């Protein structure tokens, strides 16, 4: 479960920002997760609870925004919203795809009082 490692890195990143900006607390953290990133949002949420427990961020709201991924068919050139349950081109049913968007996980926002 790589979500645990991701949450640990997010925690350390936010703690570093808190230190740099001299913040005593953070009310909300928002992350964007692309549908093609391989990250399972529900696992990420559960792992955040585990890594934040006992830290100054344990009461911080953790928000996940899911972003749709897009891909391009290398057979026919069509660009489309990719569905992980059906990784084939909706136009020609080709399987040679190049992901265009949706592979990222981004710390979008840190909201402090």
PDB file of N, CA and C in Angstrom:
ATOM      1  N   UNK A   1       0.846  -1.173   0.000  1.00  0.00           N
ATOM      2  CA  UNK A   1       0.000   0.000   0.000  1.00  0.00           C
ATOM      3  C   UNK A   1       0.896   1.242   0.000  1.00  0.00           C
ATOM      4  N   UNK A   2       1.124   1.812  -1.176  1.00  0.00           N
ATOM      5  CA  UNK A   2       1.983   2.987  -1.274  1.00  0.00           C
ATOM      6  C   UNK A   2       1.304   4.254  -0.767  1.00  0.00           C
ATOM      7  N   UNK A   3      -0.012   4.195  -0.525  1.00  0.00           N
ATOM      8  CA  UNK A   3      -0.722   5.350   0.014  1.00  0.00           C
ATOM      9  C   UNK A   3      -0.177   5.748   1.389  1.00  0.00           C
ATOM     10  N   UNK A   4       0.268   4.778   2.167  1.00  0.00           N
ATOM     11  CA  UNK A   4       0.835   5.075   3.482  1.00  0.00           C
ATOM     12  C   UNK A   4       2.106   5.922   3.336  1.00  0.00           C
ATOM     13  N   UNK A   5       2.962   5.544   2.432  1.00  0.00           N
ATOM     14  CA  UNK A   5       4.181   6.315   2.176  1.00  0.00           C
ATOM     15  C   UNK A   5       3.879   7.707   1.640  1.00  0.00           C
ATOM     16  N   UNK A   6       2.866   7.807   0.801  1.00  0.00           N
ATOM     17  CA  UNK A   6       2.457   9.111   0.261  1.00  0.00           C
ATOM     18  C   UNK A   6       1.968  10.011   1.388  1.00  0.00           C
ATOM     19  N   UNK A   7       1.150   9.457   2.277  1.00  0.00           N
ATOM     20  CA  UNK A   7       0.633  10.255   3.395  1.00  0.00           C
ATOM     21  C   UNK A   7       1.744  10.667   4.346  1.00  0.00           C
ATOM     22  N   UNK A   8       2.697   9.782   4.557  1.00  0.00           N
ATOM     23  CA  UNK A   8       3.832  10.132   5.409  1.00  0.00           C
ATOM     24  C   UNK A   8       4.608  11.301   4.786  1.00  0.00           C
ATOM     25  N   UNK A   9       4.817  11.266   3.486  1.00  0.00           N
ATOM     26  CA  UNK A   9       5.511  12.356   2.796  1.00  0.00           C
ATOM     27  C   UNK A   9       4.690  13.643   2.845  1.00  0.00           C
ATOM     28  N   UNK A  10       3.372  13.543   2.672  1.00  0.00           N
ATOM     29  CA  UNK A  10       2.507  14.721   2.766  1.00  0.00           C
ATOM     30  C   UNK A  10       2.580  15.334   4.164  1.00  0.00           C
ATOM     31  N   UNK A  11       2.537  14.487   5.170  1.00  0.00           N
ATOM     32  CA  UNK A  11       2.607  14.953   6.554  1.00  0.00           C
ATOM     33  C   UNK A  11       3.904  15.737   6.780  1.00  0.00           C
ATOM     34  N   UNK A  12       5.016  15.175   6.368  1.00  0.00           N
ATOM     35  CA  UNK A  12       6.302  15.843   6.539  1.00  0.00           C
ATOM     36  C   UNK A  12       6.370  17.147   5.751  1.00  0.00           C
ATOM     37  N   UNK A  13       5.794  17.158   4.568  1.00  0.00           N
ATOM     38  CA  UNK A  13       5.772  18.359   3.749  1.00  0.00           C
ATOM     39  C   UNK A  13       4.973  19.465   4.437  1.00  0.00           C
ATOM     40  N   UNK A  14       3.793  19.124   4.926  1.00  0.00           N
ATOM     41  CA  UNK A  14       2.947  20.113   5.595  1.00  0.00           C
ATOM     42  C   UNK A  14       3.599  20.587   6.890  1.00  0.00           C
ATOM     43  N   UNK A  15       4.203  19.676   7.632  1.00  0.00           N
ATOM     44  CA  UNK A  15       4.904  20.073   8.856  1.00  0.00           C
ATOM     45  C   UNK A  15       6.046  21.044   8.534  1.00  0.00           C
ATOM     46  N   UNK A  16       6.750  20.809   7.454  1.00  0.00           N
ATOM     47  CA  UNK A  16       7.815  21.710   7.031  1.00  0.00           C
ATOM     48  C   UNK A  16       7.286  23.095   6.668  1.00  0.00           C
ATOM     49  N   UNK A  17       6.169  23.117   5.969  1.00  0.00           N
ATOM     50  CA  UNK A  17       5.537  24.389   5.605  1.00  0.00           C
ATOM     51  C   UNK A  17       5.060  25.117   6.856  1.00  0.00           C
ATOM     52  N   UNK A  18       4.494  24.356   7.797  1.00  0.00           N
ATOM     53  CA  UNK A  18       4.043  24.966   9.052  1.00  0.00           C
ATOM     54  C   UNK A  18       5.216  25.625   9.780  1.00  0.00           C
ATOM     55  N   UNK A  19       6.330  24.950   9.794  1.00  0.00           N
ATOM     56  CA  UNK A  19       7.515  25.485  10.463  1.00  0.00           C
ATOM     57  C   UNK A  19       8.021  26.737   9.737  1.00  0.00           C
ATOM     58  N   UNK A  20       8.134  26.650   8.415  1.00  0.00           N
ATOM     59  CA  UNK A  20       8.627  27.776   7.622  1.00  0.00           C
ATOM     60  C   UNK A  20       7.725  29.009   7.742  1.00  0.00           C
ATOM     61  N   UNK A  21       6.418  28.766   7.777  1.00  0.00           N
ATOM     62  CA  UNK A  21       5.447  29.863   7.819  1.00  0.00           C
ATOM     63  C   UNK A  21       5.018  30.217   9.249  1.00  0.00           C
ATOM     64  N   UNK A  22       5.605  29.534  10.228  1.00  0.00           N
ATOM     65  CA  UNK A  22       5.311  29.736  11.652  1.00  0.00           C
ATOM     66  C   UNK A  22       3.816  29.591  11.948  1.00  0.00           C
ATOM     67  N   UNK A  23       3.230  28.515  11.439  1.00  0.00           N
ATOM     68  CA  UNK A  23       1.818  28.214  11.667  1.00  0.00           C
ATOM     69  C   UNK A  23       1.682  27.279  12.858  1.00  0.00           C
ATOM     70  N   UNK A  24       0.755  27.573  13.724  1.00  0.00           N
ATOM     71  CA  UNK A  24       0.529  26.696  14.878  1.00  0.00           C
ATOM     72  C   UNK A  24      -0.421  25.558  14.534  1.00  0.00           C
ATOM     73  N   UNK A  25      -1.299  25.807  13.554  1.00  0.00           N
ATOM     74  CA  UNK A  25      -2.223  24.749  13.147  1.00  0.00           C
ATOM     75  C   UNK A  25      -2.652  24.944  11.698  1.00  0.00           C
ATOM     76  N   UNK A  26      -3.203  23.874  11.147  1.00  0.00           N
ATOM     77  CA  UNK A  26      -3.751  23.884   9.794  1.00  0.00           C
ATOM     78  C   UNK A  26      -5.156  23.342   9.899  1.00  0.00           C
ATOM     79  N   UNK A  27      -6.121  24.055   9.311  1.00  0.00           N
ATOM     80  CA  UNK A  27      -7.518  23.623   9.385  1.00  0.00           C
ATOM     81  C   UNK A  27      -7.880  22.584   8.322  1.00  0.00           C
ATOM     82  N   UNK A  28      -7.289  22.744   7.134  1.00  0.00           N
ATOM     83  CA  UNK A  28      -7.678  21.858   6.025  1.00  0.00           C
ATOM     84  C   UNK A  28      -6.524  21.698   5.053  1.00  0.00           C
ATOM     85  N   UNK A  29      -6.397  20.480   4.555  1.00  0.00           N
ATOM     86  CA  UNK A  29      -5.431  20.158   3.507  1.00  0.00           C
ATOM     87  C   UNK A  29      -6.222  19.566   2.343  1.00  0.00           C
ATOM     88  N   UNK A  30      -5.953  20.056   1.137  1.00  0.00           N
ATOM     89  CA  UNK A  30      -6.629  19.526  -0.048  1.00  0.00           C
ATOM     90  C   UNK A  30      -5.589  18.942  -0.987  1.00  0.00           C
ATOM     91  N   UNK A  31      -5.823  17.716  -1.423  1.00  0.00           N
ATOM     92  CA  UNK A  31      -4.955  17.084  -2.408  1.00  0.00           C
ATOM     93  C   UNK A  31      -5.791  16.706  -3.626  1.00  0.00           C
ATOM     94  N   UNK A  32      -5.164  16.780  -4.786  1.00  0.00           N
ATOM     95  CA  UNK A  32      -5.792  16.344  -6.029  1.00  0.00           C
ATOM     96  C   UNK A  32      -5.181  15.006  -6.423  1.00  0.00           C
ATOM     97  N   UNK A  33      -6.045  14.056  -6.746  1.00  0.00           N
ATOM     98  CA  UNK A  33      -5.591  12.719  -7.133  1.00  0.00           C
ATOM     99  C   UNK A  33      -6.140  12.400  -8.516  1.00  0.00           C
ATOM    100  N   UNK A  34      -5.248  12.171  -9.455  1.00  0.00           N
ATOM    101  CA  UNK A  34      -5.665  11.800 -10.801  1.00  0.00           C
ATOM    102  C   UNK A  34      -6.124  10.354 -10.849  1.00  0.00           C
ATOM    103  N   UNK A  35      -7.117  10.097 -11.663  1.00  0.00           N
ATOM    104  CA  UNK A  35      -7.697   8.747 -11.743  1.00  0.00           C
ATOM    105  C   UNK A  35      -6.727   7.725 -12.323  1.00  0.00           C
ATOM    106  N   UNK A  36      -5.672   8.178 -12.990  1.00  0.00           N
ATOM    107  CA  UNK A  36      -4.684   7.264 -13.564  1.00  0.00           C
ATOM    108  C   UNK A  36      -3.395   7.207 -12.740  1.00  0.00           C
ATOM    109  N   UNK A  37      -3.426   7.781 -11.540  1.00  0.00           N
ATOM    110  CA  UNK A  37      -2.226   7.863 -10.707  1.00  0.00           C
ATOM    111  C   UNK A  37      -1.891   6.547 -10.007  1.00  0.00           C
ATOM    112  N   UNK A  38      -2.862   5.658  -9.910  1.00  0.00           N
ATOM    113  CA  UNK A  38      -2.639   4.418  -9.181  1.00  0.00           C
ATOM    114  C   UNK A  38      -2.918   4.563  -7.695  1.00  0.00           C
ATOM    115  N   UNK A  39      -3.303   5.747  -7.264  1.00  0.00           N
ATOM    116  CA  UNK A  39      -3.609   6.000  -5.864  1.00  0.00           C
ATOM    117  C   UNK A  39      -5.109   5.805  -5.644  1.00  0.00           C
ATOM    118  N   UNK A  40      -5.448   5.038  -4.615  1.00  0.00           N
ATOM    119  CA  UNK A  40      -6.852   4.789  -4.281  1.00  0.00           C
ATOM    120  C   UNK A  40      -7.265   5.830  -3.235  1.00  0.00           C
ATOM    121  N   UNK A  41      -8.171   6.747  -3.600  1.00  0.00           N
ATOM    122  CA  UNK A  41      -8.530   7.831  -2.680  1.00  0.00           C
ATOM    123  C   UNK A  41      -8.993   7.366  -1.293  1.00  0.00           C
ATOM    124  N   UNK A  42      -9.778   6.329  -1.209  1.00  0.00           N
ATOM    125  CA  UNK A  42     -10.247   5.871   0.109  1.00  0.00           C
ATOM    126  C   UNK A  42      -9.085   5.345   0.951  1.00  0.00           C
ATOM    127  N   UNK A  43      -8.112   4.688   0.325  1.00  0.00           N
ATOM    128  CA  UNK A  43      -6.924   4.225   1.050  1.00  0.00           C
ATOM    129  C   UNK A  43      -6.099   5.426   1.522  1.00  0.00           C
ATOM    130  N   UNK A  44      -5.995   6.439   0.652  1.00  0.00           N
ATOM    131  CA  UNK A  44      -5.242   7.635   1.004  1.00  0.00           C
ATOM    132  C   UNK A  44      -5.857   8.311   2.226  1.00  0.00           C
ATOM    133  N   UNK A  45      -7.153   8.412   2.238  1.00  0.00           N
ATOM    134  CA  UNK A  45      -7.864   9.024   3.359  1.00  0.00           C
ATOM    135  C   UNK A  45      -7.634   8.245   4.651  1.00  0.00           C
ATOM    136  N   UNK A  46      -7.741   6.924   4.576  1.00  0.00           N
ATOM    137  CA  UNK A  46      -7.518   6.082   5.755  1.00  0.00           C
ATOM    138  C   UNK A  46      -6.081   6.194   6.251  1.00  0.00           C
ATOM    139  N   UNK A  47      -5.145   6.239   5.340  1.00  0.00           N
ATOM    140  CA  UNK A  47      -3.732   6.339   5.718  1.00  0.00           C
ATOM    141  C   UNK A  47      -3.419   7.694   6.341  1.00  0.00           C
ATOM    142  N   UNK A  48      -4.088   8.747   5.866  1.00  0.00           N
ATOM    143  CA  UNK A  48      -3.877  10.063   6.468  1.00  0.00           C
ATOM    144  C   UNK A  48      -4.253  10.025   7.952  1.00  0.00           C
ATOM    145  N   UNK A  49      -5.370   9.419   8.264  1.00  0.00           N
ATOM    146  CA  UNK A  49      -5.801   9.316   9.661  1.00  0.00           C
ATOM    147  C   UNK A  49      -4.717   8.623  10.487  1.00  0.00           C
ATOM    148  N   UNK A  50      -4.139   7.575   9.937  1.00  0.00           N
ATOM    149  CA  UNK A  50      -3.117   6.810  10.661  1.00  0.00           C
ATOM    150  C   UNK A  50      -1.832   7.618  10.867  1.00  0.00           C
ATOM    151  N   UNK A  51      -1.343   8.294   9.830  1.00  0.00           N
ATOM    152  CA  UNK A  51      -0.067   9.003   9.983  1.00  0.00           C
ATOM    153  C   UNK A  51      -0.216  10.301  10.762  1.00  0.00           C
ATOM    154  N   UNK A  52      -1.386  10.925  10.711  1.00  0.00           N
ATOM    155  CA  UNK A  52      -1.593  12.191  11.414  1.00  0.00           C
ATOM    156  C   UNK A  52      -1.926  11.982  12.890  1.00  0.00           C
ATOM    157  N   UNK A  53      -2.310  10.769  13.260  1.00  0.00           N
ATOM    158  CA  UNK A  53      -2.685  10.483  14.646  1.00  0.00           C
ATOM    159  C   UNK A  53      -1.531  10.836  15.592  1.00  0.00           C
ATOM    160  N   UNK A  54      -1.860  11.614  16.617  1.00  0.00           N
ATOM    161  CA  UNK A  54      -0.861  11.988  17.607  1.00  0.00           C
ATOM    162  C   UNK A  54       0.009  13.169  17.197  1.00  0.00           C
ATOM    163  N   UNK A  55      -0.252  13.757  16.022  1.00  0.00           N
ATOM    164  CA  UNK A  55       0.519  14.916  15.568  1.00  0.00           C
ATOM    165  C   UNK A  55      -0.356  16.165  15.664  1.00  0.00           C
ATOM    166  N   UNK A  56       0.264  17.306  15.416  1.00  0.00           N
ATOM    167  CA  UNK A  56      -0.481  18.567  15.413  1.00  0.00           C
ATOM    168  C   UNK A  56      -1.487  18.633  14.264  1.00  0.00           C
ATOM    169  N   UNK A  57      -1.456  17.672  13.354  1.00  0.00           N
ATOM    170  CA  UNK A  57      -2.370  17.662  12.205  1.00  0.00           C
ATOM    171  C   UNK A  57      -3.503  16.636  12.332  1.00  0.00           C
ATOM    172  N   UNK A  58      -3.634  16.017  13.484  1.00  0.00           N
ATOM    173  CA  UNK A  58      -4.635  14.951  13.594  1.00  0.00           C
ATOM    174  C   UNK A  58      -6.076  15.454  13.470  1.00  0.00           C
ATOM    175  N   UNK A  59      -6.333  16.708  13.786  1.00  0.00           N
ATOM    176  CA  UNK A  59      -7.683  17.267  13.663  1.00  0.00           C
ATOM    177  C   UNK A  59      -7.891  18.008  12.346  1.00  0.00           C
ATOM    178  N   UNK A  60      -6.876  18.032  11.506  1.00  0.00           N
ATOM    179  CA  UNK A  60      -6.945  18.742  10.233  1.00  0.00           C
ATOM    180  C   UNK A  60      -7.851  18.001   9.258  1.00  0.00           C
ATOM    181  N   UNK A  61      -8.743  18.736   8.617  1.00  0.00           N
ATOM    182  CA  UNK A  61      -9.621  18.141   7.595  1.00  0.00           C
ATOM    183  C   UNK A  61      -8.767  17.785   6.384  1.00  0.00           C
ATOM    184  N   UNK A  62      -8.935  16.568   5.893  1.00  0.00           N
ATOM    185  CA  UNK A  62      -8.159  16.073   4.751  1.00  0.00           C
ATOM    186  C   UNK A  62      -9.121  15.848   3.592  1.00  0.00           C
ATOM    187  N   UNK A  63      -9.011  16.683   2.562  1.00  0.00           N
ATOM    188  CA  UNK A  63      -9.949  16.651   1.437  1.00  0.00           C
ATOM    189  C   UNK A  63      -9.235  16.122   0.201  1.00  0.00           C
ATOM    190  N   UNK A  64      -9.897  15.200  -0.485  1.00  0.00           N
ATOM    191  CA  UNK A  64      -9.348  14.636  -1.719  1.00  0.00           C
ATOM    192  C   UNK A  64     -10.262  15.009  -2.876  1.00  0.00           C
ATOM    193  N   UNK A  65      -9.690  15.653  -3.884  1.00  0.00           N
ATOM    194  CA  UNK A  65     -10.413  15.961  -5.109  1.00  0.00           C
ATOM    195  C   UNK A  65      -9.916  15.013  -6.191  1.00  0.00           C
ATOM    196  N   UNK A  66     -10.829  14.257  -6.760  1.00  0.00           N
ATOM    197  CA  UNK A  66     -10.454  13.302  -7.803  1.00  0.00           C
ATOM    198  C   UNK A  66     -10.565  13.965  -9.178  1.00  0.00           C
ATOM    199  N   UNK A  67      -9.517  13.810  -9.971  1.00  0.00           N
ATOM    200  CA  UNK A  67      -9.480  14.372 -11.318  1.00  0.00           C
ATOM    201  C   UNK A  67      -9.495  13.259 -12.351  1.00  0.00           C
ATOM    202  N   UNK A  68     -10.331  13.414 -13.350  1.00  0.00           N
ATOM    203  CA  UNK A  68     -10.410  12.417 -14.421  1.00  0.00           C
ATOM    204  C   UNK A  68      -9.143  12.451 -15.261  1.00  0.00           C
ATOM    205  N   UNK A  69      -8.717  11.298 -15.683  1.00  0.00           N
ATOM    206  CA  UNK A  69      -7.553  11.195 -16.554  1.00  0.00           C
ATOM    207  C   UNK A  69      -7.969  11.128 -18.008  1.00  0.00           C
ATOM    208  N   UNK A  70      -7.092  11.606 -18.863  1.00  0.00           N
ATOM    209  CA  UNK A  70      -7.347  11.508 -20.297  1.00  0.00           C
ATOM    210  C   UNK A  70      -6.214  10.725 -20.947  1.00  0.00           C
ATOM    211  N   UNK A  71      -6.536  10.150 -22.073  1.00  0.00           N
ATOM    212  CA  UNK A  71      -5.556   9.358 -22.814  1.00  0.00           C
ATOM    213  C   UNK A  71      -5.745   9.594 -24.309  1.00  0.00           C
ATOM    214  N   UNK A  72      -4.704   9.224 -25.051  1.00  0.00           N
ATOM    215  CA  UNK A  72      -4.757   9.321 -26.510  1.00  0.00           C
ATOM    216  C   UNK A  72      -4.516   7.931 -27.073  1.00  0.00           C
ATOM    217  N   UNK A  73      -5.348   7.551 -28.021  1.00  0.00           N
ATOM    218  CA  UNK A  73      -5.179   6.268 -28.695  1.00  0.00           C
ATOM    219  C   UNK A  73      -4.066   6.407 -29.730  1.00  0.00           C
ATOM    220  N   UNK A  74      -3.065   5.558 -29.634  1.00  0.00           N
ATOM    221  CA  UNK A  74      -1.953   5.611 -30.578  1.00  0.00           C
ATOM    222  C   UNK A  74      -2.298   4.961 -31.917  1.00  0.00           C
ATOM    223  N   UNK A  75      -3.429   4.243 -31.972  1.00  0.00           N
ATOM    224  CA  UNK A  75      -3.864   3.637 -33.238  1.00  0.00           C
ATOM    225  C   UNK A  75      -4.642   4.628 -34.101  1.00  0.00           C
ATOM    226  N   UNK A  76      -5.621   5.339 -33.486  1.00  0.00           N
ATOM    227  CA  UNK A  76      -6.471   6.223 -34.288  1.00  0.00           C
ATOM    228  C   UNK A  76      -6.344   7.705 -33.929  1.00  0.00           C
ATOM    229  N   UNK A  77      -5.636   8.030 -32.849  1.00  0.00           N
ATOM    230  CA  UNK A  77      -5.395   9.424 -32.488  1.00  0.00           C
ATOM    231  C   UNK A  77      -6.468  10.101 -31.652  1.00  0.00           C
ATOM    232  N   UNK A  78      -7.522   9.386 -31.314  1.00  0.00           N
ATOM    233  CA  UNK A  78      -8.603   9.972 -30.523  1.00  0.00           C
ATOM    234  C   UNK A  78      -8.145  10.219 -29.085  1.00  0.00           C
ATOM    235  N   UNK A  79      -8.508  11.389 -28.536  1.00  0.00           N
ATOM    236  CA  UNK A  79      -8.268  11.691 -27.129  1.00  0.00           C
ATOM    237  C   UNK A  79      -9.591  11.525 -26.391  1.00  0.00           C
ATOM    238  N   UNK A  80      -9.533  10.923 -25.192  1.00  0.00           N
ATOM    239  CA  UNK A  80     -10.767  10.617 -24.462  1.00  0.00           C
ATOM    240  C   UNK A  80     -10.506  10.544 -22.965  1.00  0.00           C
ATOM    241  N   UNK A  81     -11.584  10.594 -22.195  1.00  0.00           N
ATOM    242  CA  UNK A  81     -11.493  10.412 -20.751  1.00  0.00           C
ATOM    243  C   UNK A  81     -11.293   8.927 -20.494  1.00  0.00           C
ATOM    244  N   UNK A  82     -10.212   8.610 -19.833  1.00  0.00           N
ATOM    245  CA  UNK A  82      -9.851   7.206 -19.615  1.00  0.00           C
ATOM    246  C   UNK A  82     -10.617   6.628 -18.428  1.00  0.00           C
ATOM    247  N   UNK A  83     -11.018   5.392 -18.571  1.00  0.00           N
ATOM    248  CA  UNK A  83     -11.716   4.658 -17.520  1.00  0.00           C
ATOM    249  C   UNK A  83     -10.845   3.455 -17.149  1.00  0.00           C
ATOM    250  N   UNK A  84     -10.398   3.402 -15.907  1.00  0.00           N
ATOM    251  CA  UNK A  84      -9.518   2.307 -15.485  1.00  0.00           C
ATOM    252  C   UNK A  84     -10.176   0.936 -15.619  1.00  0.00           C
ATOM    253  N   UNK A  85     -11.500   0.907 -15.635  1.00  0.00           N
ATOM    254  CA  UNK A  85     -12.207  -0.371 -15.778  1.00  0.00           C
ATOM    255  C   UNK A  85     -12.278  -0.828 -17.232  1.00  0.00           C
ATOM    256  N   UNK A  86     -11.975   0.072 -18.153  1.00  0.00           N
ATOM    257  CA  UNK A  86     -11.997  -0.272 -19.577  1.00  0.00           C
ATOM    258  C   UNK A  86     -10.920   0.549 -20.284  1.00  0.00           C
ATOM    259  N   UNK A  87      -9.695   0.066 -20.227  1.00  0.00           N
ATOM    260  CA  UNK A  87      -8.592   0.795 -20.854  1.00  0.00           C
ATOM    261  C   UNK A  87      -8.465   0.425 -22.326  1.00  0.00           C
ATOM    262  N   UNK A  88      -9.432   0.913 -23.077  1.00  0.00           N
ATOM    263  CA  UNK A  88      -9.385   0.762 -24.529  1.00  0.00           C
ATOM    264  C   UNK A  88     -10.019   1.997 -25.150  1.00  0.00           C
ATOM    265  N   UNK A  89      -9.655   2.257 -26.369  1.00  0.00           N
ATOM    266  CA  UNK A  89     -10.165   3.427 -27.078  1.00  0.00           C
ATOM    267  C   UNK A  89     -11.662   3.268 -27.333  1.00  0.00           C
ATOM    268  N   UNK A  90     -12.454   4.271 -27.010  1.00  0.00           N
ATOM    269  CA  UNK A  90     -13.897   4.170 -27.258  1.00  0.00           C
ATOM    270  C   UNK A  90     -14.238   4.232 -28.749  1.00  0.00           C
ATOM    271  N   UNK A  91     -13.289   4.704 -29.566  1.00  0.00           N
ATOM    272  CA  UNK A  91     -13.544   4.833 -30.988  1.00  0.00           C
ATOM    273  C   UNK A  91     -13.202   3.559 -31.760  1.00  0.00           C
ATOM    274  N   UNK A  92     -11.963   3.051 -31.559  1.00  0.00           N
ATOM    275  CA  UNK A  92     -11.514   1.894 -32.351  1.00  0.00           C
ATOM    276  C   UNK A  92     -11.267   0.647 -31.500  1.00  0.00           C
ATOM    277  N   UNK A  93     -11.443   0.780 -30.178  1.00  0.00           N
ATOM    278  CA  UNK A  93     -11.215  -0.307 -29.206  1.00  0.00           C
ATOM    279  C   UNK A  93      -9.741  -0.691 -29.096  1.00  0.00           C
ATOM    280  N   UNK A  94      -8.853   0.132 -29.642  1.00  0.00           N
ATOM    281  CA  UNK A  94      -7.420  -0.120 -29.554  1.00  0.00           C
ATOM    282  C   UNK A  94      -6.931  -0.079 -28.109  1.00  0.00           C
ATOM    283  N   UNK A  95      -5.859  -0.784 -27.858  1.00  0.00           N
ATOM    284  CA  UNK A  95      -5.291  -0.887 -26.507  1.00  0.00           C
ATOM    285  C   UNK A  95      -3.972  -0.125 -26.365  1.00  0.00           C
ATOM    286  N   UNK A  96      -3.479   0.462 -27.448  1.00  0.00           N
ATOM    287  CA  UNK A  96      -2.231   1.232 -27.389  1.00  0.00           C
ATOM    288  C   UNK A  96      -2.578   2.666 -27.011  1.00  0.00           C
ATOM    289  N   UNK A  97      -2.455   2.968 -25.728  1.00  0.00           N
ATOM    290  CA  UNK A  97      -2.873   4.262 -25.221  1.00  0.00           C
ATOM    291  C   UNK A  97      -1.712   4.995 -24.574  1.00  0.00           C
ATOM    292  N   UNK A  98      -1.757   6.309 -24.674  1.00  0.00           N
ATOM    293  CA  UNK A  98      -0.770   7.145 -24.004  1.00  0.00           C
ATOM    294  C   UNK A  98      -1.539   8.049 -23.034  1.00  0.00           C
ATOM    295  N   UNK A  99      -1.244   7.927 -21.730  1.00  0.00           N
ATOM    296  CA  UNK A  99      -1.926   8.819 -20.783  1.00  0.00           C
ATOM    297  C   UNK A  99      -1.487  10.260 -20.997  1.00  0.00           C
ATOM    298  N   UNK A 100      -2.453  11.177 -20.942  1.00  0.00           N
ATOM    299  CA  UNK A 100      -2.159  12.602 -21.126  1.00  0.00           C
ATOM    300  C   UNK A 100      -2.276  13.366 -19.799  1.00  0.00           C
ATOM    301  N   UNK A 101      -3.329  13.100 -19.059  1.00  0.00           N
ATOM    302  CA  UNK A 101      -3.541  13.741 -17.760  1.00  0.00           C
ATOM    303  C   UNK A 101      -4.057  12.700 -16.772  1.00  0.00           C
ATOM    304  N   UNK A 102      -4.039  13.087 -15.493  1.00  0.00           N
ATOM    305  CA  UNK A 102      -4.624  12.218 -14.470  1.00  0.00           C
ATOM    306  C   UNK A 102      -3.648  11.295 -13.785  1.00  0.00           C
ATOM    307  N   UNK A 103      -2.337  11.502 -14.005  1.00  0.00           N
ATOM    308  CA  UNK A 103      -1.349  10.627 -13.360  1.00  0.00           C
ATOM    309  C   UNK A 103      -0.734  11.259 -12.118  1.00  0.00           C
ATOM    310  N   UNK A 104      -1.149  12.476 -11.800  1.00  0.00           N
ATOM    311  CA  UNK A 104      -0.523  13.230 -10.718  1.00  0.00           C
ATOM    312  C   UNK A 104      -1.272  13.112  -9.392  1.00  0.00           C
ATOM    313  N   UNK A 105      -0.526  13.374  -8.344  1.00  0.00           N
ATOM    314  CA  UNK A 105      -1.086  13.601  -7.018  1.00  0.00           C
ATOM    315  C   UNK A 105      -0.447  14.903  -6.555  1.00  0.00           C
ATOM    316  N   UNK A 106      -1.281  15.901  -6.255  1.00  0.00           N
ATOM    317  CA  UNK A 106      -0.794  17.239  -5.960  1.00  0.00           C
ATOM    318  C   UNK A 106      -1.339  17.747  -4.639  1.00  0.00           C
ATOM    319  N   UNK A 107      -0.463  18.316  -3.830  1.00  0.00           N
ATOM    320  CA  UNK A 107      -0.895  19.035  -2.641  1.00  0.00           C
ATOM    321  C   UNK A 107      -1.403  20.383  -3.151  1.00  0.00           C
ATOM    322  N   UNK A 108      -2.707  20.527  -3.184  1.00  0.00           N
ATOM    323  CA  UNK A 108      -3.336  21.703  -3.814  1.00  0.00           C
ATOM    324  C   UNK A 108      -3.416  22.892  -2.870  1.00  0.00           C
ATOM    325  N   UNK A 109      -3.793  22.639  -1.604  1.00  0.00           N
ATOM    326  CA  UNK A 109      -4.060  23.765  -0.714  1.00  0.00           C
ATOM    327  C   UNK A 109      -3.833  23.384   0.745  1.00  0.00           C
ATOM    328  N   UNK A 110      -3.297  24.339   1.474  1.00  0.00           N
ATOM    329  CA  UNK A 110      -3.190  24.234   2.920  1.00  0.00           C
ATOM    330  C   UNK A 110      -3.910  25.447   3.480  1.00  0.00           C
ATOM    331  N   UNK A 111      -4.962  25.218   4.241  1.00  0.00           N
ATOM    332  CA  UNK A 111      -5.760  26.314   4.784  1.00  0.00           C
ATOM    333  C   UNK A 111      -5.462  26.442   6.282  1.00  0.00           C
ATOM    334  N   UNK A 112      -4.927  27.603   6.653  1.00  0.00           N
ATOM    335  CA  UNK A 112      -4.596  27.884   8.047  1.00  0.00           C
ATOM    336  C   UNK A 112      -5.515  29.008   8.542  1.00  0.00           C
ATOM    337  N   UNK A 113      -5.730  29.060   9.838  1.00  0.00           N
ATOM    338  CA  UNK A 113      -6.611  30.109  10.387  1.00  0.00           C
ATOM    339  C   UNK A 113      -6.017  31.503  10.207  1.00  0.00           C
TER     340      UNK A 113
END
